[in-house]
Every structure is written in structure tokens, then in C-alpha cells.
PDB file of N, CA and C in Angstrom:
ATOM      1  N   MET A   1     199.186  -5.002 169.562  1.00  0.00           N
ATOM      2  CA  MET A   1     198.678  -4.808 171.045  1.00  0.00           C
ATOM      3  C   MET A   1     199.890  -6.143 171.709  1.00  0.00           C
ATOM      4  N   ARG A   2     200.402  -5.382 172.985  1.00  0.00           N
ATOM      5  CA  ARG A   2     201.026  -6.992 173.557  1.00  0.00           C
ATOM      6  C   ARG A   2     200.157  -6.917 174.407  1.00  0.00           C
ATOM      7  N   LEU A   3     200.392  -8.686 174.686  1.00  0.00           N
ATOM      8  CA  LEU A   3     199.486  -9.194 176.114  1.00  0.00           C
ATOM      9  C   LEU A   3     200.728 -10.150 176.913  1.00  0.00           C
ATOM     10  N   LEU A   4     200.652  -9.595 178.020  1.00  0.00           N
ATOM     11  CA  LEU A   4     201.185  -9.949 179.016  1.00  0.00           C
ATOM     12  C   LEU A   4     200.402 -11.203 179.824  1.00  0.00           C
ATOM     13  N   LEU A   5     200.649 -12.649 179.719  1.00  0.00           N
ATOM     14  CA  LEU A   5     199.595 -13.280 180.028  1.00  0.00           C
ATOM     15  C   LEU A   5     200.004 -13.686 181.561  1.00  0.00           C
ATOM     16  N   ASP A   6     198.960 -13.780 182.625  1.00  0.00           N
ATOM     17  CA  ASP A   6     199.411 -14.516 184.384  1.00  0.00           C
ATOM     18  C   ASP A   6     199.775 -16.419 184.078  1.00  0.00           C
ATOM     19  N   THR A   7     199.272 -16.432 185.267  1.00  0.00           N
ATOM     20  CA  THR A   7     200.106 -18.270 185.059  1.00  0.00           C
ATOM     21  C   THR A   7     198.935 -18.832 185.406  1.00  0.00           C
ATOM     22  N   ASN A   8     197.559 -18.359 185.291  1.00  0.00           N
ATOM     23  CA  ASN A   8     196.353 -18.783 185.213  1.00  0.00           C
ATOM     24  C   ASN A   8     195.996 -18.761 183.863  1.00  0.00           C
ATOM     25  N   VAL A   9     196.021 -17.944 183.366  1.00  0.00           N
ATOM     26  CA  VAL A   9     196.031 -17.843 181.838  1.00  0.00           C
ATOM     27  C   VAL A   9     196.564 -18.562 181.184  1.00  0.00           C
ATOM     28  N   PHE A  10     197.972 -18.597 181.676  1.00  0.00           N
ATOM     29  CA  PHE A  10     198.763 -19.042 180.665  1.00  0.00           C
ATOM     30  C   PHE A  10     198.531 -20.758 180.926  1.00  0.00           C
ATOM     31  N   VAL A  11     198.603 -21.115 182.257  1.00  0.00           N
ATOM     32  CA  VAL A  11     197.877 -22.612 182.852  1.00  0.00           C
ATOM     33  C   VAL A  11     196.540 -23.107 181.722  1.00  0.00           C
ATOM     34  N   ARG A  12     195.826 -22.491 181.858  1.00  0.00           N
ATOM     35  CA  ARG A  12     194.509 -22.955 180.950  1.00  0.00           C
ATOM     36  C   ARG A  12     194.969 -22.740 178.852  1.00  0.00           C
ATOM     37  N   PHE A  13     195.647 -21.696 179.129  1.00  0.00           N
ATOM     38  CA  PHE A  13     195.779 -21.765 177.307  1.00  0.00           C
ATOM     39  C   PHE A  13     196.742 -23.422 177.061  1.00  0.00           C
ATOM     40  N   VAL A  14     197.890 -23.464 177.889  1.00  0.00           N
ATOM     41  CA  VAL A  14     198.117 -24.841 177.466  1.00  0.00           C
ATOM     42  C   VAL A  14     197.290 -25.825 177.868  1.00  0.00           C
ATOM     43  N   ASP A  15     196.877 -25.946 178.444  1.00  0.00           N
ATOM     44  CA  ASP A  15     196.014 -27.053 178.665  1.00  0.00           C
ATOM     45  C   ASP A  15     194.373 -26.937 177.755  1.00  0.00           C
ATOM     46  N   GLY A  16     194.144 -25.834 177.491  1.00  0.00           N
ATOM     47  CA  GLY A  16     192.974 -26.329 176.141  1.00  0.00           C
ATOM     48  C   GLY A  16     192.036 -25.632 177.032  1.00  0.00           C
ATOM     49  N   ARG A  17     191.643 -24.547 177.691  1.00  0.00           N
ATOM     50  CA  ARG A  17     190.669 -24.847 178.407  1.00  0.00           C
ATOM     51  C   ARG A  17     190.571 -22.855 178.592  1.00  0.00           C
ATOM     52  N   LEU A  18     190.831 -22.467 177.651  1.00  0.00           N
ATOM     53  CA  LEU A  18     190.835 -20.544 177.370  1.00  0.00           C
ATOM     54  C   LEU A  18     189.992 -20.695 176.975  1.00  0.00           C
ATOM     55  N   ASP A  19     188.833 -19.910 177.721  1.00  0.00           N
ATOM     56  CA  ASP A  19     187.277 -19.297 176.900  1.00  0.00           C
ATOM     57  C   ASP A  19     187.753 -18.318 175.911  1.00  0.00           C
ATOM     58  N   ARG A  20     187.188 -18.888 174.340  1.00  0.00           N
ATOM     59  CA  ARG A  20     186.746 -18.224 173.569  1.00  0.00           C
ATOM     60  C   ARG A  20     187.349 -16.719 172.829  1.00  0.00           C
ATOM     61  N   ASP A  21     186.639 -15.990 173.979  1.00  0.00           N
ATOM     62  CA  ASP A  21     187.077 -13.910 173.296  1.00  0.00           C
ATOM     63  C   ASP A  21     188.318 -14.319 173.654  1.00  0.00           C
ATOM     64  N   LEU A  22     188.928 -15.558 175.254  1.00  0.00           N
ATOM     65  CA  LEU A  22     190.720 -14.952 175.140  1.00  0.00           C
ATOM     66  C   LEU A  22     191.687 -15.235 174.206  1.00  0.00           C
ATOM     67  N   ARG A  23     191.259 -16.887 174.198  1.00  0.00           N
ATOM     68  CA  ARG A  23     191.660 -17.315 173.176  1.00  0.00           C
ATOM     69  C   ARG A  23     191.754 -16.181 171.586  1.00  0.00           C
ATOM     70  N   ASP A  24     190.991 -16.076 170.894  1.00  0.00           N
ATOM     71  CA  ASP A  24     190.227 -14.419 170.071  1.00  0.00           C
ATOM     72  C   ASP A  24     191.654 -13.846 170.104  1.00  0.00           C
ATOM     73  N   ALA A  25     191.822 -13.784 171.333  1.00  0.00           N
ATOM     74  CA  ALA A  25     192.400 -12.141 171.032  1.00  0.00           C
ATOM     75  C   ALA A  25     194.007 -12.726 171.433  1.00  0.00           C
ATOM     76  N   LEU A  26     194.534 -13.599 172.001  1.00  0.00           N
ATOM     77  CA  LEU A  26     195.557 -14.085 171.987  1.00  0.00           C
ATOM     78  C   LEU A  26     195.918 -14.663 169.916  1.00  0.00           C
ATOM     79  N   ALA A  27     195.165 -14.774 169.336  1.00  0.00           N
ATOM     80  CA  ALA A  27     195.212 -15.455 167.749  1.00  0.00           C
ATOM     81  C   ALA A  27     195.249 -14.080 167.342  1.00  0.00           C
ATOM     82  N   ALA A  28     194.543 -12.831 167.868  1.00  0.00           N
ATOM     83  CA  ALA A  28     194.271 -11.816 166.646  1.00  0.00           C
ATOM     84  C   ALA A  28     196.339 -11.325 165.992  1.00  0.00           C
ATOM     85  N   SER A  29     195.067 -10.708 164.793  1.00  0.00           N
ATOM     86  CA  SER A  29     196.668 -10.139 163.772  1.00  0.00           C
ATOM     87  C   SER A  29     197.643  -9.033 164.880  1.00  0.00           C
ATOM     88  N   GLY A  30     198.975  -9.177 165.122  1.00  0.00           N
ATOM     89  CA  GLY A  30     199.569  -8.456 165.279  1.00  0.00           C
ATOM     90  C   GLY A  30     199.429  -8.076 166.636  1.00  0.00           C
ATOM     91  N   ALA A  31     198.968  -9.085 167.208  1.00  0.00           N
ATOM     92  CA  ALA A  31     199.033  -9.815 169.221  1.00  0.00           C
ATOM     93  C   ALA A  31     200.795  -9.546 169.109  1.00  0.00           C
ATOM     94  N   GLU A  32     200.909  -9.506 170.531  1.00  0.00           N
ATOM     95  CA  GLU A  32     202.738  -9.662 170.452  1.00  0.00           C
ATOM     96  C   GLU A  32     202.891 -10.399 172.569  1.00  0.00           C
ATOM     97  N   VAL A  33     201.659 -12.180 171.688  1.00  0.00           N
ATOM     98  CA  VAL A  33     201.688 -12.676 173.371  1.00  0.00           C
ATOM     99  C   VAL A  33     202.474 -12.603 174.022  1.00  0.00           C
ATOM    100  N   GLN A  34     203.620 -12.440 175.430  1.00  0.00           N
ATOM    101  CA  GLN A  34     204.220 -13.022 176.295  1.00  0.00           C
ATOM    102  C   GLN A  34     204.262 -13.196 177.158  1.00  0.00           C
ATOM    103  N   ILE A  35     205.167 -13.922 177.740  1.00  0.00           N
ATOM    104  CA  ILE A  35     204.706 -15.266 179.152  1.00  0.00           C
ATOM    105  C   ILE A  35     206.396 -15.049 180.235  1.00  0.00           C
ATOM    106  N   SER A  36     206.412 -14.397 181.207  1.00  0.00           N
ATOM    107  CA  SER A  36     207.153 -14.261 181.897  1.00  0.00           C
ATOM    108  C   SER A  36     208.010 -15.412 182.325  1.00  0.00           C
ATOM    109  N   VAL A  37     209.442 -15.579 182.497  1.00  0.00           N
ATOM    110  CA  VAL A  37     210.271 -16.495 183.384  1.00  0.00           C
ATOM    111  C   VAL A  37     209.459 -17.073 184.798  1.00  0.00           C
ATOM    112  N   ALA A  38     208.858 -15.974 185.233  1.00  0.00           N
ATOM    113  CA  ALA A  38     208.727 -15.738 186.409  1.00  0.00           C
ATOM    114  C   ALA A  38     207.213 -16.547 186.407  1.00  0.00           C
ATOM    115  N   ASN A  39     206.523 -16.788 185.699  1.00  0.00           N
ATOM    116  CA  ASN A  39     205.724 -17.418 185.496  1.00  0.00           C
ATOM    117  C   ASN A  39     205.606 -18.880 185.476  1.00  0.00           C
ATOM    118  N   LEU A  40     206.704 -19.347 184.433  1.00  0.00           N
ATOM    119  CA  LEU A  40     206.972 -20.564 184.758  1.00  0.00           C
ATOM    120  C   LEU A  40     207.691 -20.956 185.686  1.00  0.00           C
ATOM    121  N   TRP A  41     208.528 -20.438 186.793  1.00  0.00           N
ATOM    122  CA  TRP A  41     209.052 -20.473 187.818  1.00  0.00           C
ATOM    123  C   TRP A  41     208.056 -21.121 188.986  1.00  0.00           C
ATOM    124  N   GLU A  42     206.524 -20.198 188.693  1.00  0.00           N
ATOM    125  CA  GLU A  42     205.379 -20.694 189.795  1.00  0.00           C
ATOM    126  C   GLU A  42     205.135 -21.752 189.030  1.00  0.00           C
ATOM    127  N   ILE A  43     204.719 -22.231 187.966  1.00  0.00           N
ATOM    128  CA  ILE A  43     204.264 -23.393 187.225  1.00  0.00           C
ATOM    129  C   ILE A  43     204.919 -24.372 187.924  1.00  0.00           C
ATOM    130  N   ALA A  44     206.382 -24.506 187.863  1.00  0.00           N
ATOM    131  CA  ALA A  44     206.966 -25.303 188.255  1.00  0.00           C
ATOM    132  C   ALA A  44     207.719 -25.810 189.495  1.00  0.00           C
ATOM    133  N   ILE A  45     207.413 -24.742 190.774  1.00  0.00           N
ATOM    134  CA  ILE A  45     206.951 -25.100 191.986  1.00  0.00           C
ATOM    135  C   ILE A  45     205.729 -25.471 192.600  1.00  0.00           C
ATOM    136  N   LYS A  46     204.430 -25.346 191.818  1.00  0.00           N
ATOM    137  CA  LYS A  46     203.079 -26.096 192.026  1.00  0.00           C
ATOM    138  C   LYS A  46     203.477 -27.289 191.380  1.00  0.00           C
ATOM    139  N   VAL A  47     203.917 -27.743 190.221  1.00  0.00           N
ATOM    140  CA  VAL A  47     204.172 -29.011 189.836  1.00  0.00           C
ATOM    141  C   VAL A  47     204.689 -29.888 190.310  1.00  0.00           C
ATOM    142  N   ARG A  48     206.032 -28.982 191.325  1.00  0.00           N
ATOM    143  CA  ARG A  48     206.716 -30.333 191.965  1.00  0.00           C
ATOM    144  C   ARG A  48     205.790 -30.879 193.594  1.00  0.00           C
ATOM    145  N   LEU A  49     204.826 -29.653 193.842  1.00  0.00           N
ATOM    146  CA  LEU A  49     203.752 -29.776 195.026  1.00  0.00           C
ATOM    147  C   LEU A  49     203.283 -30.406 194.741  1.00  0.00           C
ATOM    148  N   GLY A  50     202.554 -30.874 193.381  1.00  0.00           N
ATOM    149  CA  GLY A  50     201.645 -31.309 192.995  1.00  0.00           C
ATOM    150  C   GLY A  50     200.308 -31.059 193.210  1.00  0.00           C
ATOM    151  N   LYS A  51     200.405 -29.790 193.490  1.00  0.00           N
ATOM    152  CA  LYS A  51     199.296 -28.596 193.347  1.00  0.00           C
ATOM    153  C   LYS A  51     199.034 -28.294 191.699  1.00  0.00           C
ATOM    154  N   LEU A  52     199.659 -28.888 190.822  1.00  0.00           N
ATOM    155  CA  LEU A  52     199.541 -28.596 189.287  1.00  0.00           C
ATOM    156  C   LEU A  52     199.002 -29.846 188.034  1.00  0.00           C
ATOM    157  N   PRO A  53     198.000 -30.320 188.187  1.00  0.00           N
ATOM    158  CA  PRO A  53     198.561 -31.205 186.863  1.00  0.00           C
ATOM    159  C   PRO A  53     199.075 -30.703 185.296  1.00  0.00           C
ATOM    160  N   LEU A  54     199.428 -30.791 184.846  1.00  0.00           N
ATOM    161  CA  LEU A  54     200.128 -30.019 183.686  1.00  0.00           C
ATOM    162  C   LEU A  54     200.047 -30.907 182.517  1.00  0.00           C
ATOM    163  N   ARG A  55     199.378 -31.154 180.839  1.00  0.00           N
ATOM    164  CA  ARG A  55     199.213 -31.222 179.611  1.00  0.00           C
ATOM    165  C   ARG A  55     200.974 -31.207 179.281  1.00  0.00           C
ATOM    166  N   VAL A  56     201.571 -30.410 179.582  1.00  0.00           N
ATOM    167  CA  VAL A  56     202.611 -30.067 179.382  1.00  0.00           C
ATOM    168  C   VAL A  56     203.888 -30.101 180.523  1.00  0.00           C
ATOM    169  N   SER A  57     205.108 -30.470 180.118  1.00  0.00           N
ATOM    170  CA  SER A  57     205.618 -30.978 181.505  1.00  0.00           C
ATOM    171  C   SER A  57     206.635 -29.662 181.656  1.00  0.00           C
ATOM    172  N   PRO A  58     206.409 -28.589 183.342  1.00  0.00           N
ATOM    173  CA  PRO A  58     207.711 -27.929 183.806  1.00  0.00           C
ATOM    174  C   PRO A  58     208.950 -27.714 182.163  1.00  0.00           C
ATOM    175  N   GLU A  59     209.258 -28.887 182.328  1.00  0.00           N
ATOM    176  CA  GLU A  59     210.625 -28.710 181.235  1.00  0.00           C
ATOM    177  C   GLU A  59     210.701 -28.667 180.081  1.00  0.00           C
ATOM    178  N   ASP A  60     209.564 -28.497 178.961  1.00  0.00           N
ATOM    179  CA  ASP A  60     209.031 -28.650 177.906  1.00  0.00           C
ATOM    180  C   ASP A  60     208.175 -27.317 177.444  1.00  0.00           C
ATOM    181  N   LEU A  61     207.859 -26.720 179.159  1.00  0.00           N
ATOM    182  CA  LEU A  61     207.866 -25.114 178.190  1.00  0.00           C
ATOM    183  C   LEU A  61     207.996 -24.080 177.220  1.00  0.00           C
ATOM    184  N   PRO A  62     209.419 -24.326 177.471  1.00  0.00           N
ATOM    185  CA  PRO A  62     209.931 -23.096 176.956  1.00  0.00           C
ATOM    186  C   PRO A  62     209.607 -22.980 175.201  1.00  0.00           C
ATOM    187  N   ALA A  63     209.981 -24.837 174.700  1.00  0.00           N
ATOM    188  CA  ALA A  63     209.753 -24.848 173.524  1.00  0.00           C
ATOM    189  C   ALA A  63     208.556 -24.745 173.133  1.00  0.00           C
ATOM    190  N   PHE A  64     207.533 -24.879 173.850  1.00  0.00           N
ATOM    191  CA  PHE A  64     205.960 -24.855 173.605  1.00  0.00           C
ATOM    192  C   PHE A  64     205.904 -23.167 173.245  1.00  0.00           C
ATOM    193  N   ILE A  65     206.125 -22.638 174.174  1.00  0.00           N
ATOM    194  CA  ILE A  65     205.965 -20.923 174.362  1.00  0.00           C
ATOM    195  C   ILE A  65     206.220 -20.595 173.101  1.00  0.00           C
ATOM    196  N   ASP A  66     207.872 -21.076 172.529  1.00  0.00           N
ATOM    197  CA  ASP A  66     208.004 -20.850 171.310  1.00  0.00           C
ATOM    198  C   ASP A  66     207.084 -21.310 170.207  1.00  0.00           C
ATOM    199  N   SER A  67     206.726 -22.839 170.235  1.00  0.00           N
ATOM    200  CA  SER A  67     205.957 -23.275 169.228  1.00  0.00           C
ATOM    201  C   SER A  67     205.015 -22.672 168.459  1.00  0.00           C
ATOM    202  N   VAL A  68     203.971 -21.093 169.980  1.00  0.00           N
ATOM    203  CA  VAL A  68     202.851 -20.815 169.394  1.00  0.00           C
ATOM    204  C   VAL A  68     202.854 -20.045 168.893  1.00  0.00           C
ATOM    205  N   GLY A  69     204.421 -19.614 169.427  1.00  0.00           N
ATOM    206  CA  GLY A  69     204.722 -18.392 168.752  1.00  0.00           C
ATOM    207  C   GLY A  69     204.528 -17.194 169.910  1.00  0.00           C
ATOM    208  N   PHE A  70     204.837 -16.993 170.517  1.00  0.00           N
ATOM    209  CA  PHE A  70     204.443 -16.530 172.495  1.00  0.00           C
ATOM    210  C   PHE A  70     206.220 -16.028 172.526  1.00  0.00           C
ATOM    211  N   ALA A  71     206.413 -15.168 173.412  1.00  0.00           N
ATOM    212  CA  ALA A  71     207.804 -14.105 173.590  1.00  0.00           C
ATOM    213  C   ALA A  71     208.155 -15.072 175.108  1.00  0.00           C
ATOM    214  N   LEU A  72     209.001 -14.897 175.182  1.00  0.00           N
ATOM    215  CA  LEU A  72     209.894 -15.572 177.021  1.00  0.00           C
ATOM    216  C   LEU A  72     210.274 -14.231 177.201  1.00  0.00           C
ATOM    217  N   LEU A  73     210.048 -13.837 178.404  1.00  0.00           N
ATOM    218  CA  LEU A  73     210.961 -12.149 178.991  1.00  0.00           C
ATOM    219  C   LEU A  73     211.499 -12.816 180.302  1.00  0.00           C
ATOM    220  N   THR A  74     212.744 -12.646 179.678  1.00  0.00           N
ATOM    221  CA  THR A  74     213.896 -12.674 181.034  1.00  0.00           C
ATOM    222  C   THR A  74     213.626 -12.193 182.217  1.00  0.00           C
ATOM    223  N   ILE A  75     213.545 -12.162 183.644  1.00  0.00           N
ATOM    224  CA  ILE A  75     213.912 -11.239 184.409  1.00  0.00           C
ATOM    225  C   ILE A  75     215.026 -11.111 184.998  1.00  0.00           C
ATOM    226  N   LYS A  76     216.166  -9.681 184.335  1.00  0.00           N
ATOM    227  CA  LYS A  76     217.418  -8.795 185.144  1.00  0.00           C
ATOM    228  C   LYS A  76     216.916  -8.391 186.344  1.00  0.00           C
ATOM    229  N   ALA A  77     218.130  -8.251 187.661  1.00  0.00           N
ATOM    230  CA  ALA A  77     218.180  -7.428 188.461  1.00  0.00           C
ATOM    231  C   ALA A  77     217.484  -5.701 188.252  1.00  0.00           C
ATOM    232  N   PRO A  78     217.627  -5.993 186.989  1.00  0.00           N
ATOM    233  CA  PRO A  78     217.444  -4.085 186.994  1.00  0.00           C
ATOM    234  C   PRO A  78     215.694  -4.100 186.780  1.00  0.00           C
ATOM    235  N   HIS A  79     215.166  -5.183 186.090  1.00  0.00           N
ATOM    236  CA  HIS A  79     213.617  -5.033 186.354  1.00  0.00           C
ATOM    237  C   HIS A  79     213.402  -5.286 187.654  1.00  0.00           C
ATOM    238  N   VAL A  80     214.003  -5.798 188.724  1.00  0.00           N
ATOM    239  CA  VAL A  80     213.327  -5.963 190.231  1.00  0.00           C
ATOM    240  C   VAL A  80     213.203  -5.628 190.982  1.00  0.00           C
ATOM    241  N   LEU A  81     214.434  -4.548 190.949  1.00  0.00           N
ATOM    242  CA  LEU A  81     214.900  -3.163 191.549  1.00  0.00           C
ATOM    243  C   LEU A  81     214.383  -1.841 190.691  1.00  0.00           C
ATOM    244  N   ALA A  82     213.318  -2.081 189.785  1.00  0.00           N
ATOM    245  CA  ALA A  82     213.366  -0.954 188.962  1.00  0.00           C
ATOM    246  C   ALA A  82     211.906   0.413 189.709  1.00  0.00           C
ATOM    247  N   ASP A  83     211.357  -0.716 190.765  1.00  0.00           N
ATOM    248  CA  ASP A  83     210.638   0.114 191.209  1.00  0.00           C
ATOM    249  C   ASP A  83     210.935   0.042 193.224  1.00  0.00           C
ATOM    250  N   VAL A  84     211.889   0.098 193.508  1.00  0.00           N
ATOM    251  CA  VAL A  84     212.683   0.485 194.788  1.00  0.00           C
ATOM    252  C   VAL A  84     213.067   1.691 194.599  1.00  0.00           C
ATOM    253  N   ASP A  85     212.630   2.463 196.136  1.00  0.00           N
ATOM    254  CA  ASP A  85     212.307   3.735 195.990  1.00  0.00           C
ATOM    255  C   ASP A  85     213.584   4.123 196.913  1.00  0.00           C
ATOM    256  N   PRO A  86     214.412   4.878 195.999  1.00  0.00           N
ATOM    257  CA  PRO A  86     216.246   5.033 196.157  1.00  0.00           C
ATOM    258  C   PRO A  86     216.434   5.531 197.937  1.00  0.00           C
TER     259      PRO A  86
END
């Protein structure tokens, strides 16, 4: 099962505030958990503005993502332009 976490769920995971059902889903055998670079961008902006205290610094998030076995999804121009009407 593939799971793409939104920023709110990812932040709660990082801070250890995720409810049990979601933690179980992320830990389930065969779960492919993915985090978008856009999530990191949003987090960095909110931390810089002082609107988001976070247990892990934004600079350390890519290593954190790797350490917990999640995948980091990059964003490229074709991804952004895929939904543009011709």
C-alpha cells in the first residue's frame, strides 16, 4: 500500500503526536510511505516564520525521512505541468 503523507500528518509523525491507527498504518508490512519535497518546502517556510516549532530541524528532515524508511518524492516540471490543459 502506498501512502503519501500530507504536511500535517508528517509533522505529527516527526513530533511523535500521531494517533495509534495512523502509526499502525505507517508501520504495516508492505506500506510504502512517501513524503513530497513540497512538504519540506512548506515546513521550512513555517519554521522560518516562527509558526511551526519542530523537534527536527528542516535541514535534518531528509536524513530523518531516510532513517525511518520513508521515500522522498522530488518534484520536476512534468509533474507540475501534468494537469495543465493543452
